[in-house]
Structures are given as C-alpha cells and as structure tokens.
Amino acid sequence: MQIAILALGSQGDVQPYVALGRGLQAAGHGVRLITHDNYAAFVKSNGLEFWPMHGDVQSAVDSPELRALLEKGNFIAITRHTTALAQQAALRWAQDGLTACQGVDMIVAGVGGLNVAVALAEKLRIPLLQAYVLPFTPTTAFPGVLFPGAVTRLGGLANRLSHHLVRQIMWQGFRSADSMARQQVLGLPPAPFSGPYNSAAVRGAPILYGFSPSVLPKPADWGENLHVTGYWTLEADPTWTPPPALTAFLESGPPPIYVGFGSMGSRKPEETAHLVLQAVEQTGQRAILLSGWGGLRAENAPENVFLVDSIPHAWLFPRTAAVVHHGGAGTTAAGLRAGVPSIIIPFFADQPFWGQRVAALGAGPAPIPRKQLSVEGLAGAIRQAVGSAEMRQAVARLGEKIRAEDGIGAAVAVVEKMSTAKGAP
C-alpha cells in the first residue's frame, strides 16, 4: 500500500511520524513523508521519501514576534499569530499536498496537518487515518490538553466539553484559510462551521494514539476503533557517535542532568542560561545544556557544565540523572522511556498537560510554568528529582514498561487491517 504521512510543526512534532513511517516502510509499504522544507535532510536520512510542504518552521519559531509570544505563554495570542502564518501558506499547502498525494492509497495525519489532510482525502476519495501523539478525542476521563487538571473536579461532562472546546479553538483559527484552500485549490465546498471532525473521510475509521498506555491509559469511553499503541520512537542511529568531548565529560563524573527547551527557545536566552547555571551551582550537579534554536547560551560555562547544539535524546537521556525540558510530547516520551525523572517547565499548549501527567505518575516533580521559573524553584525540583529514591524507582519501572511496548508494531497492525479490509495493494 502507498501511504502519505502529512506531518507539520516543529521537529519534535514531526519526529514520531518519521518513526511511524519507518515502521510502515519496514513492513513493506511505500511511504511518503510530507513536511516542511527544512526537514528534508532529516526525513531522507531516515530512508523515507520526502515531499515538501511550503514553509520553514525553524525560521517562524525564531522570529522575534513568536519568541515574544512564547515567552508570555498566552495560547490564544500564539494561535492568532500562527493562524495568520497558516492563512498565508494555506493555498501552497493545499497545492503541495495535492501533488504529493497523487497515487497514494491512504493519508495519515495528526493535529498539525489534520485540516489539510481531511480536505485532500475528500478530494482524492481515499481514507484518512488520524494518528495523534496527544489525546484529541473527547472523553469524560480527563480534561482537554489546553485546560488545567482542576477541570476534573467539575465532573466528566466538563471534561468532555473541554475537549470539544480544544477542537474548536484549533479549528476556528484555521477555518477561513481552510475554506479558501478547499474552494480555490481543491474545488471543494467549505468544511462545516463546527469543523471537519465528522467528515466522511474519517467517519468510522480507526484512530491511532502514539503514546504509552502506561502513561495515559485508554479511557473507557473511547470506542474499539481507537487504539493507544505506545510511543512511536525513533531509535538512536547505531552508527552515530557522540563528540569525543561529550564522551569525556560523561565519563569524568556522575551522570549529569540535562536542560533543554527544544524549539521553545527563550526571548532572553542569556538570562535563562544564567538562571539555569545558578540552579545547577546551588544543587552541586553536573549539567548538559542544549542551545536549541537560539535558546540556552552561556559564555565561559563552568567545568561542571557542557553545552551541546543537538544530541539524540534516545542516546543521551539514559546517561543522565534527570532531564529538564519544556514538556513537549516527544521529549516527555523520551525522558520517560529512558527511565529518568523529568522536570517539566511548560510554556503553552499540551505541555502543562504532560507535566501534570508526569507528576501524577510520580515520575517527576510538579511542573513549573515557564513564567514562574526561578533559581530556587528549579534548584528544589532538581534536588527532588535526583534525591528521591521513590521517584527514581517509580520512573525506572515506568521506563521498563514503555520499552517493552511496541507502539510502531501496534500501529502498523491497524494500518494493515485497514488495507486488508479495503483490498488495497
């Protein structure tokens, strides 16, 4: 079967779909990974066929406007800004997607590419498999990812309503751009005002969830066609070798903590680096700091601190004492899979949700919102993560469970069942 995977967003958003694509390809399917121009080398290095989707996410995230919004953590303002960018790109995305999906039997997409993917599936009359790395189907079990956990106190109905509100927040910001692309490029009528969530392209089809049931069990009110498969993990390249200086640092003392905020780079990177270095000094820990996209930078770092630009999480995290990060779905998965405590500093979107989940599992301290981050707060969280035997044992057991799961294999099995049912080649 020929499968197109449409994945938009940061590298952390795209990486699970690259892992899923590799699994599908290993099972004998043809796979096209449709994503932003700046991920071409990343996709090709993983042996997948790359098809470009207009735009460079790194440049957008690096812009002063978006950095300022990320610093404030106002999701509505961030959504308004990214919506404007999406409206500018909508026509190109529809055209790029239409070209890339010619001759495929199925489209796979998550939150980032859902609206475009629904329109393409309707246009080409092919099935769309929804594949998410965060909970997106309404449930009474817990609130939507943009809502605080305290919503649960209001009962299951409030939880379910919050999921519908999350869907509408994401949809309404993109609705005008989606309508324009559907009409001008694809010759389709606009999607309903309430969104494409009940489109014929997805109605009754399976839905994949690429997170661990040990981290977030499948809710009882999710139907049989919803599958919590386990994480879609991109294994460390066995041919990759770390820089000799990093190896020497790791071997020169006890396991360090890792600090990195991915694409959530601060508007004031030097200030953030100074805060982190003070907390590290207070706790007497060794540390590896990730610079990221203009993120942490520290001149003349002390001997107990090592700075890196980019290191595979699957290789590095098991060699650390704890990981400090923004709480993105992919980084959270990597930390838990490694079996080391996570200290989550959420900025916005689903990051507080994963921070709360990690704390509830006893796999890390309570999350510290970025706007509330202080030297004392971070130092206290580091001491708890490194010093609590109970926490370390809990996350080690959780890591063992996650590593025993075969999320990609379970997802591939669902795809192949769809293929058999529809008689696809």
Protein backbone atom coordinates (compact mmCIF):
# COMPACT_ATOMS: atom_id res chain seq x y z
CA MET A 1 0.00 0.00 0.00
CA GLN A 2 1.19 3.52 -0.79
CA ILE A 3 0.86 5.77 2.26
CA ALA A 4 1.34 9.54 2.59
CA ILE A 5 2.09 10.85 6.08
CA LEU A 6 1.40 14.56 6.49
CA ALA A 7 3.30 15.97 9.47
CA LEU A 8 3.55 19.71 10.19
CA GLY A 9 5.11 21.57 13.11
CA SER A 10 8.41 21.57 14.98
CA GLN A 11 10.92 18.73 14.69
CA GLY A 12 9.50 17.30 17.90
CA ASP A 13 6.09 17.22 16.20
CA VAL A 14 7.44 15.60 13.05
CA GLN A 15 9.79 13.02 14.55
CA PRO A 16 7.16 10.49 15.77
CA TYR A 17 5.72 10.37 12.25
CA VAL A 18 9.16 9.72 10.80
CA ALA A 19 9.43 6.79 13.24
CA LEU A 20 5.96 5.56 12.22
CA GLY A 21 6.89 5.95 8.55
CA ARG A 22 10.00 3.84 9.03
CA GLY A 23 7.90 1.12 10.65
CA LEU A 24 5.37 1.13 7.82
CA GLN A 25 8.15 1.03 5.24
CA ALA A 26 9.86 -1.87 7.03
CA ALA A 27 6.52 -3.73 6.83
CA GLY A 28 6.60 -3.41 3.05
CA HIS A 29 4.52 -0.29 2.43
CA GLY A 30 5.54 2.66 0.31
CA VAL A 31 5.77 5.79 2.45
CA ARG A 32 5.89 9.47 1.53
CA LEU A 33 6.61 11.89 4.35
CA ILE A 34 5.08 15.29 3.56
CA THR A 35 6.51 18.02 5.74
CA HIS A 36 8.22 21.40 5.77
CA ASP A 37 11.20 22.18 3.54
CA ASN A 38 13.64 22.45 6.44
CA TYR A 39 13.19 18.79 7.41
CA ALA A 40 14.26 17.39 4.03
CA ALA A 41 17.65 16.14 5.28
CA PHE A 42 16.13 14.70 8.47
CA VAL A 43 13.48 12.74 6.55
CA LYS A 44 15.88 11.48 3.88
CA SER A 45 18.49 10.44 6.45
CA ASN A 46 15.85 8.10 7.86
CA GLY A 47 15.35 6.45 4.50
CA LEU A 48 11.94 7.93 3.72
CA GLU A 49 10.69 9.60 0.57
CA PHE A 50 10.47 13.34 1.24
CA TRP A 51 7.78 15.55 -0.28
CA PRO A 52 7.97 19.26 0.55
CA MET A 53 5.29 21.33 2.20
CA HIS A 54 5.92 25.06 1.80
CA GLY A 55 7.49 26.83 4.74
CA ASP A 56 10.36 26.73 7.21
CA VAL A 57 9.14 26.23 10.78
CA GLN A 58 12.55 26.99 12.26
CA SER A 59 12.52 30.48 10.75
CA ALA A 60 8.98 31.08 12.01
CA VAL A 61 9.81 29.97 15.56
CA ASP A 62 12.99 32.02 15.51
CA SER A 63 11.10 35.20 14.64
CA PRO A 64 11.11 37.92 17.32
CA GLU A 65 7.29 38.09 17.24
CA LEU A 66 6.72 34.42 18.02
CA ARG A 67 9.54 34.27 20.54
CA ALA A 68 7.93 37.11 22.47
CA LEU A 69 4.58 35.31 22.44
CA LEU A 70 6.15 32.03 23.55
CA GLU A 71 7.81 33.85 26.43
CA LYS A 72 4.40 35.11 27.61
CA GLY A 73 2.78 31.70 27.13
CA ASN A 74 -0.60 33.11 26.01
CA PHE A 75 -2.01 30.30 23.87
CA ILE A 76 -4.75 32.44 22.33
CA ALA A 77 -2.22 35.07 21.19
CA ILE A 78 0.12 32.36 19.90
CA THR A 79 -2.75 30.75 18.00
CA ARG A 80 -3.73 34.10 16.49
CA HIS A 81 -0.17 34.63 15.25
CA THR A 82 0.27 31.12 13.85
CA THR A 83 -3.18 31.34 12.24
CA ALA A 84 -2.04 34.38 10.28
CA LEU A 85 1.01 32.43 9.11
CA ALA A 86 -1.19 29.47 8.18
CA GLN A 87 -3.52 31.67 6.16
CA GLN A 88 -0.57 32.89 4.13
CA ALA A 89 0.53 29.31 3.47
CA ALA A 90 -2.89 27.63 3.04
CA LEU A 91 -3.05 27.74 -0.74
CA ARG A 92 0.51 26.46 -1.10
CA TRP A 93 -0.11 23.67 1.41
CA ALA A 94 -3.20 22.50 -0.45
CA GLN A 95 -1.34 22.51 -3.77
CA ASP A 96 1.78 20.86 -2.33
CA GLY A 97 -0.34 18.24 -0.60
CA LEU A 98 -2.39 17.53 -3.71
CA THR A 99 0.79 16.93 -5.71
CA ALA A 100 2.34 14.75 -3.02
CA CYS A 101 -0.74 12.57 -2.53
CA GLN A 102 -1.25 11.59 -6.15
CA GLY A 103 -1.38 7.80 -6.44
CA VAL A 104 -1.47 7.04 -2.71
CA ASP A 105 -3.95 4.69 -1.07
CA MET A 106 -4.13 6.33 2.35
CA ILE A 107 -3.23 9.56 4.14
CA VAL A 108 -2.01 9.59 7.75
CA ALA A 109 -2.08 12.85 9.73
CA GLY A 110 -2.14 14.23 13.25
CA VAL A 111 -3.20 17.55 14.73
CA GLY A 112 -0.64 19.58 12.76
CA GLY A 113 -1.85 18.53 9.34
CA LEU A 114 -5.39 17.40 10.07
CA ASN A 115 -7.42 20.07 8.28
CA VAL A 116 -5.32 19.90 5.12
CA ALA A 117 -5.35 16.10 5.22
CA VAL A 118 -9.15 15.92 5.54
CA ALA A 119 -9.57 18.16 2.51
CA LEU A 120 -7.06 16.12 0.49
CA ALA A 121 -8.74 12.84 1.47
CA GLU A 122 -12.12 14.22 0.40
CA LYS A 123 -10.71 15.49 -2.89
CA LEU A 124 -8.90 12.25 -3.76
CA ARG A 125 -11.56 9.98 -2.21
CA ILE A 126 -9.06 7.98 -0.19
CA PRO A 127 -9.15 7.04 3.51
CA LEU A 128 -7.59 9.22 6.17
CA LEU A 129 -6.10 7.61 9.26
CA GLN A 130 -5.95 10.03 12.17
CA ALA A 131 -2.74 9.49 14.15
CA TYR A 132 -2.15 11.67 17.19
CA VAL A 133 0.55 11.98 19.83
CA LEU A 134 -1.76 13.78 22.27
CA PRO A 135 -5.35 13.00 23.31
CA PHE A 136 -7.76 14.63 20.86
CA THR A 137 -10.93 12.53 21.13
CA PRO A 138 -13.47 13.81 23.71
CA THR A 139 -13.64 11.80 26.91
CA THR A 140 -15.05 12.15 30.41
CA ALA A 141 -11.84 10.72 31.92
CA PHE A 142 -9.68 13.88 31.87
CA PRO A 143 -9.77 17.45 30.51
CA GLY A 144 -8.64 18.59 27.09
CA VAL A 145 -4.92 19.29 26.74
CA LEU A 146 -5.35 23.07 26.88
CA PHE A 147 -7.27 23.01 30.17
CA PRO A 148 -5.94 22.73 33.73
CA GLY A 149 -6.32 19.42 35.51
CA ALA A 150 -8.59 21.14 38.04
CA VAL A 151 -11.41 20.94 35.46
CA THR A 152 -11.77 17.29 36.51
CA ARG A 153 -13.32 18.47 39.78
CA LEU A 154 -16.31 19.70 37.77
CA GLY A 155 -17.07 16.16 36.62
CA GLY A 156 -16.95 14.07 33.49
CA LEU A 157 -19.29 16.30 31.48
CA ALA A 158 -16.93 19.26 31.97
CA ASN A 159 -14.01 17.11 30.88
CA ARG A 160 -15.81 16.10 27.68
CA LEU A 161 -16.85 19.68 26.95
CA SER A 162 -13.26 20.87 27.36
CA HIS A 163 -12.13 18.52 24.58
CA HIS A 164 -14.75 19.93 22.22
CA LEU A 165 -13.55 23.44 23.12
CA VAL A 166 -9.94 22.46 22.33
CA ARG A 167 -11.07 21.24 18.91
CA GLN A 168 -12.93 24.44 18.22
CA ILE A 169 -10.03 26.66 19.33
CA MET A 170 -7.77 24.84 16.90
CA TRP A 171 -10.34 24.79 14.10
CA GLN A 172 -11.82 28.28 14.20
CA GLY A 173 -8.42 29.92 13.88
CA PHE A 174 -7.74 28.00 10.68
CA ARG A 175 -11.30 27.87 9.30
CA SER A 176 -11.07 30.82 6.89
CA ALA A 177 -7.73 29.61 5.49
CA ASP A 178 -9.11 26.09 5.13
CA SER A 179 -12.20 27.33 3.28
CA MET A 180 -10.06 29.36 0.91
CA ALA A 181 -7.81 26.40 0.11
CA ARG A 182 -10.71 23.99 -0.30
CA GLN A 183 -12.53 26.28 -2.72
CA GLN A 184 -9.69 27.84 -4.70
CA VAL A 185 -7.31 24.87 -4.98
CA LEU A 186 -9.30 21.70 -4.40
CA GLY A 187 -12.72 22.66 -5.76
CA LEU A 188 -14.46 21.55 -2.56
CA PRO A 189 -17.17 23.23 -0.53
CA PRO A 190 -16.10 24.75 2.80
CA ALA A 191 -15.99 22.43 5.77
CA PRO A 192 -18.87 22.82 8.26
CA PHE A 193 -18.64 25.68 10.75
CA SER A 194 -18.06 23.13 13.53
CA GLY A 195 -15.04 21.69 11.74
CA PRO A 196 -14.01 18.65 9.70
CA TYR A 197 -14.21 16.21 12.62
CA ASN A 198 -17.17 14.31 11.18
CA SER A 199 -16.02 14.30 7.58
CA ALA A 200 -16.85 11.22 5.52
CA ALA A 201 -13.08 10.78 5.13
CA VAL A 202 -12.69 9.97 8.85
CA ARG A 203 -16.13 8.78 9.95
CA GLY A 204 -15.88 5.32 11.47
CA ALA A 205 -12.18 4.95 10.61
CA PRO A 206 -9.64 3.83 13.21
CA ILE A 207 -7.72 6.46 15.17
CA LEU A 208 -4.17 5.87 16.39
CA TYR A 209 -2.71 7.36 19.56
CA GLY A 210 1.07 7.26 19.70
CA PHE A 211 1.54 7.47 23.45
CA SER A 212 2.03 4.78 26.07
CA PRO A 213 -0.99 3.20 27.80
CA SER A 214 1.31 3.02 30.84
CA VAL A 215 1.45 6.84 30.79
CA LEU A 216 -2.14 7.59 29.77
CA PRO A 217 -4.44 4.55 29.70
CA LYS A 218 -7.15 4.36 27.07
CA PRO A 219 -10.34 5.92 28.50
CA ALA A 220 -13.28 3.55 28.95
CA ASP A 221 -15.50 5.75 26.76
CA TRP A 222 -13.19 5.56 23.71
CA GLY A 223 -14.55 3.07 21.18
CA GLU A 224 -12.91 -0.07 19.81
CA ASN A 225 -11.70 1.81 16.74
CA LEU A 226 -9.39 3.97 18.91
CA HIS A 227 -6.01 2.43 19.59
CA VAL A 228 -3.47 3.59 22.20
CA THR A 229 -0.49 1.85 20.65
CA GLY A 230 2.52 3.01 22.66
CA TYR A 231 5.06 5.63 21.63
CA TRP A 232 6.37 5.91 18.08
CA THR A 233 10.02 6.15 18.97
CA LEU A 234 12.84 6.90 16.59
CA GLU A 235 15.63 4.66 17.82
CA ALA A 236 19.15 6.03 18.09
CA ASP A 237 21.18 5.51 14.93
CA PRO A 238 23.66 2.72 15.79
CA THR A 239 26.25 4.33 13.51
CA TRP A 240 26.01 7.69 15.29
CA THR A 241 28.91 8.54 17.56
CA PRO A 242 28.93 11.34 20.13
CA PRO A 243 31.53 14.11 20.04
CA PRO A 244 34.65 12.97 21.90
CA ALA A 245 34.41 15.97 24.22
CA LEU A 246 30.89 14.93 25.28
CA THR A 247 32.00 11.36 25.92
CA ALA A 248 34.90 12.65 28.01
CA PHE A 249 32.53 14.87 30.02
CA LEU A 250 30.11 12.00 30.72
CA GLU A 251 32.96 9.73 31.83
CA SER A 252 34.57 12.35 34.06
CA GLY A 253 31.98 12.25 36.84
CA PRO A 254 28.48 11.15 37.94
CA PRO A 255 25.57 11.32 35.48
CA PRO A 256 24.63 14.96 34.78
CA ILE A 257 21.21 16.50 34.48
CA TYR A 258 20.07 17.60 31.01
CA VAL A 259 18.49 21.01 30.40
CA GLY A 260 16.89 21.92 27.07
CA PHE A 261 13.68 23.54 25.88
CA GLY A 262 13.69 22.42 22.24
CA SER A 263 12.06 24.90 19.89
CA MET A 264 10.63 26.83 22.87
CA GLY A 265 13.78 28.97 22.98
CA SER A 266 13.55 31.94 25.31
CA ARG A 267 13.36 35.51 24.10
CA LYS A 268 16.17 36.14 26.62
CA PRO A 269 18.46 33.14 26.21
CA GLU A 270 21.36 34.56 28.21
CA GLU A 271 19.05 35.32 31.14
CA THR A 272 17.61 31.81 31.05
CA ALA A 273 21.07 30.28 30.87
CA HIS A 274 22.15 32.33 33.87
CA LEU A 275 19.11 31.15 35.86
CA VAL A 276 19.82 27.52 34.98
CA LEU A 277 23.51 27.82 35.82
CA GLN A 278 22.68 29.31 39.22
CA ALA A 279 20.29 26.44 39.99
CA VAL A 280 22.90 23.90 38.89
CA GLU A 281 25.51 25.56 41.11
CA GLN A 282 23.16 25.55 44.11
CA THR A 283 22.49 21.82 43.74
CA GLY A 284 26.10 20.84 43.06
CA GLN A 285 25.07 18.90 39.96
CA ARG A 286 26.82 18.47 36.64
CA ALA A 287 24.75 19.50 33.63
CA ILE A 288 24.43 19.31 29.86
CA LEU A 289 22.73 22.38 28.40
CA LEU A 290 21.10 22.36 24.98
CA SER A 291 21.29 25.57 22.98
CA GLY A 292 18.46 24.67 20.58
CA TRP A 293 17.06 27.28 18.20
CA GLY A 294 18.64 30.34 19.75
CA GLY A 295 17.77 29.02 23.20
CA LEU A 296 20.19 28.50 26.05
CA ARG A 297 23.60 30.11 25.61
CA ALA A 298 26.27 30.60 28.24
CA GLU A 299 29.71 32.06 27.67
CA ASN A 300 32.57 30.68 29.71
CA ALA A 301 30.49 27.86 31.18
CA PRO A 302 31.91 26.30 34.36
CA GLU A 303 33.72 22.96 34.25
CA ASN A 304 30.67 21.08 35.53
CA VAL A 305 28.54 22.23 32.56
CA PHE A 306 28.74 21.03 28.95
CA LEU A 307 26.96 22.83 26.08
CA VAL A 308 25.63 20.97 23.04
CA ASP A 309 23.69 22.01 19.94
CA SER A 310 21.85 18.77 19.21
CA ILE A 311 22.16 15.25 20.61
CA PRO A 312 19.72 12.34 20.05
CA HIS A 313 17.54 12.04 23.13
CA ALA A 314 17.39 8.25 22.80
CA TRP A 315 21.16 8.12 23.25
CA LEU A 316 21.66 10.88 25.81
CA PHE A 317 18.76 10.63 28.27
CA PRO A 318 19.60 7.15 29.67
CA ARG A 319 23.02 8.58 30.57
CA THR A 320 21.58 11.40 32.70
CA ALA A 321 20.36 11.71 36.28
CA ALA A 322 17.28 13.76 35.28
CA VAL A 323 16.02 15.78 32.33
CA VAL A 324 14.72 19.35 32.47
CA HIS A 325 12.60 20.23 29.45
CA HIS A 326 9.51 22.03 28.14
CA GLY A 327 7.15 19.06 28.22
CA GLY A 328 6.59 18.52 24.51
CA ALA A 329 5.02 15.13 23.77
CA GLY A 330 8.16 13.76 22.11
CA THR A 331 10.63 14.93 24.74
CA THR A 332 8.37 13.72 27.53
CA ALA A 333 8.20 10.32 25.86
CA ALA A 334 12.00 10.18 25.53
CA GLY A 335 12.52 11.07 29.19
CA LEU A 336 10.03 8.51 30.49
CA ARG A 337 11.32 5.81 28.16
CA ALA A 338 14.84 6.42 29.47
CA GLY A 339 13.57 5.78 32.99
CA VAL A 340 14.91 9.02 34.47
CA PRO A 341 12.89 11.75 36.27
CA SER A 342 11.58 14.65 34.21
CA ILE A 343 11.42 18.23 35.48
CA ILE A 344 8.95 19.90 33.13
CA ILE A 345 8.92 23.65 32.53
CA PRO A 346 5.82 24.05 30.31
CA PHE A 347 5.42 27.06 28.03
CA PHE A 348 1.98 26.52 26.43
CA ALA A 349 -0.33 24.13 24.52
CA ASP A 350 -0.20 20.47 25.67
CA GLN A 351 2.99 20.92 27.68
CA PRO A 352 1.24 21.61 31.04
CA PHE A 353 -0.90 18.51 30.42
CA TRP A 354 2.15 16.26 30.11
CA GLY A 355 3.81 17.99 33.06
CA GLN A 356 0.81 17.23 35.25
CA ARG A 357 0.70 13.66 33.98
CA VAL A 358 4.38 13.04 34.76
CA ALA A 359 3.91 14.39 38.29
CA ALA A 360 0.79 12.25 38.82
CA LEU A 361 2.78 9.16 37.84
CA GLY A 362 5.47 10.01 40.37
CA ALA A 363 7.96 10.27 37.51
CA GLY A 364 8.96 13.86 38.22
CA PRO A 365 8.28 16.88 40.44
CA ALA A 366 5.28 19.15 39.92
CA PRO A 367 5.70 21.15 36.69
CA ILE A 368 6.96 24.74 36.94
CA PRO A 369 5.30 27.05 34.38
CA ARG A 370 7.93 28.98 32.43
CA LYS A 371 6.63 32.33 33.70
CA GLN A 372 7.12 31.12 37.27
CA LEU A 373 10.58 29.63 36.79
CA SER A 374 13.10 30.80 39.40
CA VAL A 375 16.51 29.72 40.61
CA GLU A 376 15.08 28.48 43.89
CA GLY A 377 12.19 26.63 42.25
CA LEU A 378 14.39 24.89 39.70
CA ALA A 379 17.02 24.01 42.32
CA GLY A 380 14.34 22.50 44.55
CA ALA A 381 12.94 20.42 41.67
CA ILE A 382 16.43 19.19 40.76
CA ARG A 383 17.12 18.13 44.35
CA GLN A 384 13.80 16.26 44.46
CA ALA A 385 14.35 14.53 41.12
CA VAL A 386 17.90 13.45 41.89
CA GLY A 387 17.48 12.75 45.59
CA SER A 388 14.12 10.94 45.81
CA ALA A 389 14.69 7.19 45.73
CA GLU A 390 10.93 6.65 45.48
CA MET A 391 10.67 8.87 42.39
CA ARG A 392 13.67 7.27 40.73
CA GLN A 393 12.28 3.79 41.34
CA ALA A 394 8.84 4.78 40.01
CA VAL A 395 10.18 6.24 36.77
CA ALA A 396 12.60 3.33 36.31
CA ARG A 397 9.68 0.88 36.50
CA LEU A 398 7.67 3.03 34.11
CA GLY A 399 10.59 3.17 31.69
CA GLU A 400 10.78 -0.64 31.67
CA LYS A 401 7.09 -0.89 30.79
CA ILE A 402 7.42 1.66 27.98
CA ARG A 403 10.47 -0.03 26.50
CA ALA A 404 8.57 -3.33 26.45
CA GLU A 405 5.80 -1.81 24.31
CA ASP A 406 5.86 -1.91 20.52
CA GLY A 407 3.94 1.20 19.60
CA ILE A 408 5.03 1.19 15.97
CA GLY A 409 4.21 -2.50 15.55
CA ALA A 410 0.74 -1.98 17.00
CA ALA A 411 0.12 0.98 14.69
CA VAL A 412 1.33 -0.95 11.64
CA ALA A 413 -1.07 -3.78 12.52
CA VAL A 414 -4.02 -1.34 12.46
CA VAL A 415 -2.93 0.03 9.07
CA GLU A 416 -2.60 -3.46 7.62
CA LYS A 417 -6.03 -4.43 8.91
CA MET A 418 -7.44 -1.38 7.09
CA SER A 419 -5.51 -2.39 3.98
CA THR A 420 -6.95 -5.92 4.06
CA ALA A 421 -10.47 -4.65 4.66
CA LYS A 422 -10.32 -2.30 1.68
CA GLY A 423 -8.35 -4.66 -0.59
CA ALA A 424 -5.56 -2.13 -1.13
CA PRO A 425 -2.36 -3.38 -2.81
